[in-house]
């Protein structure tokens, strides 16, 4: 995945990220045979991130759009996992967390980058921010996590991109 190169007054990390697009194959290669193995694994976060990346790309292809997805990281450690260009100059910032519940601190990097992009994008492109998490059968679902940031389970965000 290539980095996002918008000028936001910071030095950027410009090396690409690599994901295994097939999370089932990745689990097999890591010796995980069940959902319980995955849930206990130290690789849960990276596996979930690769899964979300693959789902976003599949959704773009299935809606007859060119697959286009980026990440952002600067020298100070500010990182947002997925930046997806939208229609009419808009952009979707997507942060993923393998947790079943979302907290406001999880959305802080995305909100910070979103605010910087809003200052730079004078043509008025809409910036949408979503914190993607796993489905939970017990936690109360909420979409309002921070001003301008919605928390959604992974199936919901794929439909909106």
Protein backbone atom coordinates (compact mmCIF):
# COMPACT_ATOMS: atom_id res chain seq x y z
CA UNK A 1 0.00 0.00 0.00
CA UNK A 2 1.51 3.34 -0.99
CA UNK A 3 1.73 6.29 1.42
CA UNK A 4 -0.49 9.34 1.11
CA UNK A 5 1.46 12.37 -0.14
CA UNK A 6 -0.68 15.38 0.68
CA UNK A 7 1.23 18.37 2.06
CA UNK A 8 0.12 18.66 5.68
CA UNK A 9 3.17 20.58 6.97
CA UNK A 10 5.02 17.53 8.26
CA UNK A 11 7.74 15.16 7.13
CA UNK A 12 6.19 11.92 5.93
CA UNK A 13 7.35 8.34 6.02
CA UNK A 14 7.24 7.31 2.36
CA UNK A 15 7.94 3.59 2.34
CA UNK A 16 5.04 1.35 1.28
CA UNK A 17 3.25 -1.05 3.64
CA UNK A 18 2.74 -4.69 2.74
CA UNK A 19 -0.35 -6.73 3.64
CA UNK A 20 -1.30 -10.34 3.06
CA UNK A 21 -4.59 -9.91 1.21
CA UNK A 22 -5.82 -13.40 2.07
CA UNK A 23 -6.29 -13.48 5.85
CA UNK A 24 -7.24 -17.16 5.72
CA UNK A 25 -3.93 -18.03 4.07
CA UNK A 26 -2.07 -15.86 6.59
CA UNK A 27 -3.77 -17.70 9.48
CA UNK A 28 -2.91 -21.06 7.95
CA UNK A 29 0.75 -20.09 7.51
CA UNK A 30 0.83 -18.93 11.14
CA UNK A 31 -0.61 -22.27 12.29
CA UNK A 32 -3.98 -20.91 13.43
CA UNK A 33 -6.83 -23.34 12.84
CA UNK A 34 -9.73 -21.72 14.69
CA UNK A 35 -11.24 -18.36 15.56
CA UNK A 36 -10.12 -18.98 19.13
CA UNK A 37 -6.49 -19.30 17.96
CA UNK A 38 -6.80 -16.00 16.08
CA UNK A 39 -8.38 -14.20 19.05
CA UNK A 40 -5.48 -15.24 21.31
CA UNK A 41 -2.77 -14.49 18.76
CA UNK A 42 -0.38 -11.53 18.97
CA UNK A 43 -1.03 -11.22 15.22
CA UNK A 44 -4.73 -10.39 15.63
CA UNK A 45 -4.19 -6.66 14.95
CA UNK A 46 -2.14 -7.08 11.76
CA UNK A 47 -4.46 -9.84 10.51
CA UNK A 48 -7.51 -7.61 11.09
CA UNK A 49 -5.78 -4.70 9.36
CA UNK A 50 -4.96 -6.85 6.31
CA UNK A 51 -8.51 -8.16 6.26
CA UNK A 52 -9.98 -4.64 6.28
CA UNK A 53 -7.54 -3.55 3.54
CA UNK A 54 -8.61 -6.46 1.33
CA UNK A 55 -12.31 -5.79 1.98
CA UNK A 56 -11.96 -2.09 1.03
CA UNK A 57 -10.20 -2.99 -2.21
CA UNK A 58 -12.82 -5.65 -3.03
CA UNK A 59 -15.63 -3.13 -2.39
CA UNK A 60 -13.97 -0.63 -4.74
CA UNK A 61 -13.57 -3.23 -7.50
CA UNK A 62 -17.13 -4.51 -7.06
CA UNK A 63 -18.49 -0.97 -7.45
CA UNK A 64 -16.53 -0.56 -10.74
CA UNK A 65 -14.01 1.85 -9.23
CA UNK A 66 -10.27 1.75 -9.51
CA UNK A 67 -8.73 0.24 -6.35
CA UNK A 68 -7.17 3.17 -4.57
CA UNK A 69 -6.11 3.08 -0.93
CA UNK A 70 -3.27 4.74 0.98
CA UNK A 71 -1.86 5.03 4.49
CA UNK A 72 -0.41 8.04 6.34
CA UNK A 73 2.53 8.11 8.75
CA UNK A 74 4.76 11.02 9.71
CA UNK A 75 8.08 11.23 11.54
CA UNK A 76 6.33 11.98 14.85
CA UNK A 77 4.44 8.69 14.83
CA UNK A 78 1.06 10.03 13.70
CA UNK A 79 -0.44 7.19 11.69
CA UNK A 80 -3.79 6.60 10.05
CA UNK A 81 -4.12 3.17 8.51
CA UNK A 82 -6.35 3.80 5.50
CA UNK A 83 -7.06 6.88 3.37
CA UNK A 84 -9.59 6.19 0.64
CA UNK A 85 -10.19 8.89 -1.99
CA UNK A 86 -13.85 9.47 -2.68
CA UNK A 87 -15.97 11.35 -5.13
CA UNK A 88 -15.63 15.09 -5.80
CA UNK A 89 -12.37 15.51 -3.89
CA UNK A 90 -13.59 13.85 -0.70
CA UNK A 91 -11.55 11.44 1.34
CA UNK A 92 -12.37 8.78 3.91
CA UNK A 93 -10.00 8.24 6.81
CA UNK A 94 -10.35 4.77 8.28
CA UNK A 95 -8.65 3.59 11.45
CA UNK A 96 -9.07 -0.06 12.40
CA UNK A 97 -8.87 -1.62 15.82
CA UNK A 98 -9.23 -5.34 16.48
CA UNK A 99 -11.07 -4.52 19.73
CA UNK A 100 -14.79 -5.18 20.06
CA UNK A 101 -15.45 -1.76 21.60
CA UNK A 102 -14.17 1.62 20.47
CA UNK A 103 -12.84 4.39 22.69
CA UNK A 104 -12.21 8.07 21.88
CA UNK A 105 -8.43 7.71 22.32
CA UNK A 106 -8.39 5.24 19.41
CA UNK A 107 -9.67 7.98 17.09
CA UNK A 108 -7.28 10.74 18.15
CA UNK A 109 -4.68 10.26 15.32
CA UNK A 110 -7.41 10.20 12.70
CA UNK A 111 -9.06 13.33 14.05
CA UNK A 112 -5.72 15.14 14.15
CA UNK A 113 -4.97 14.25 10.50
CA UNK A 114 -8.54 15.08 9.51
CA UNK A 115 -8.23 18.56 11.01
CA UNK A 116 -4.92 19.13 9.19
CA UNK A 117 -6.43 18.00 5.88
CA UNK A 118 -9.46 20.25 6.35
CA UNK A 119 -7.14 23.26 6.70
CA UNK A 120 -5.23 22.34 3.52
CA UNK A 121 -8.16 21.36 1.30
CA UNK A 122 -9.63 24.71 0.39
CA UNK A 123 -11.75 23.29 -2.47
CA UNK A 124 -14.17 21.83 0.07
CA UNK A 125 -13.77 18.07 -0.33
CA UNK A 126 -15.65 16.19 2.38
CA UNK A 127 -13.53 14.31 4.91
CA UNK A 128 -15.24 11.36 6.55
CA UNK A 129 -13.64 9.56 9.50
CA UNK A 130 -14.50 6.04 10.64
CA UNK A 131 -13.07 3.89 13.40
CA UNK A 132 -13.62 0.27 12.40
CA UNK A 133 -13.80 -2.43 15.06
CA UNK A 134 -14.86 -6.05 15.36
CA UNK A 135 -18.47 -7.06 15.86
CA UNK A 136 -19.53 -7.43 19.48
CA UNK A 137 -22.49 -9.38 20.77
CA UNK A 138 -22.33 -7.84 24.25
CA UNK A 139 -21.08 -4.26 23.93
CA UNK A 140 -23.47 -1.41 23.33
CA UNK A 141 -23.03 -0.02 19.85
CA UNK A 142 -22.48 3.68 19.44
CA UNK A 143 -21.51 5.61 16.38
CA UNK A 144 -20.56 8.92 17.98
CA UNK A 145 -17.06 8.49 19.35
CA UNK A 146 -15.52 11.95 18.79
CA UNK A 147 -16.63 15.04 16.91
CA UNK A 148 -16.62 14.09 13.23
CA UNK A 149 -15.65 10.46 13.89
CA UNK A 150 -18.01 7.52 13.75
CA UNK A 151 -17.31 4.10 15.24
CA UNK A 152 -18.65 1.27 13.13
CA UNK A 153 -18.25 -2.48 12.89
CA UNK A 154 -16.33 -3.66 9.85
CA UNK A 155 -19.29 -4.80 7.70
CA UNK A 156 -20.84 -1.32 7.97
CA UNK A 157 -17.81 0.64 6.79
CA UNK A 158 -17.27 -1.56 3.74
CA UNK A 159 -20.78 -0.71 2.52
CA UNK A 160 -20.20 3.04 2.79
CA UNK A 161 -16.84 3.15 0.96
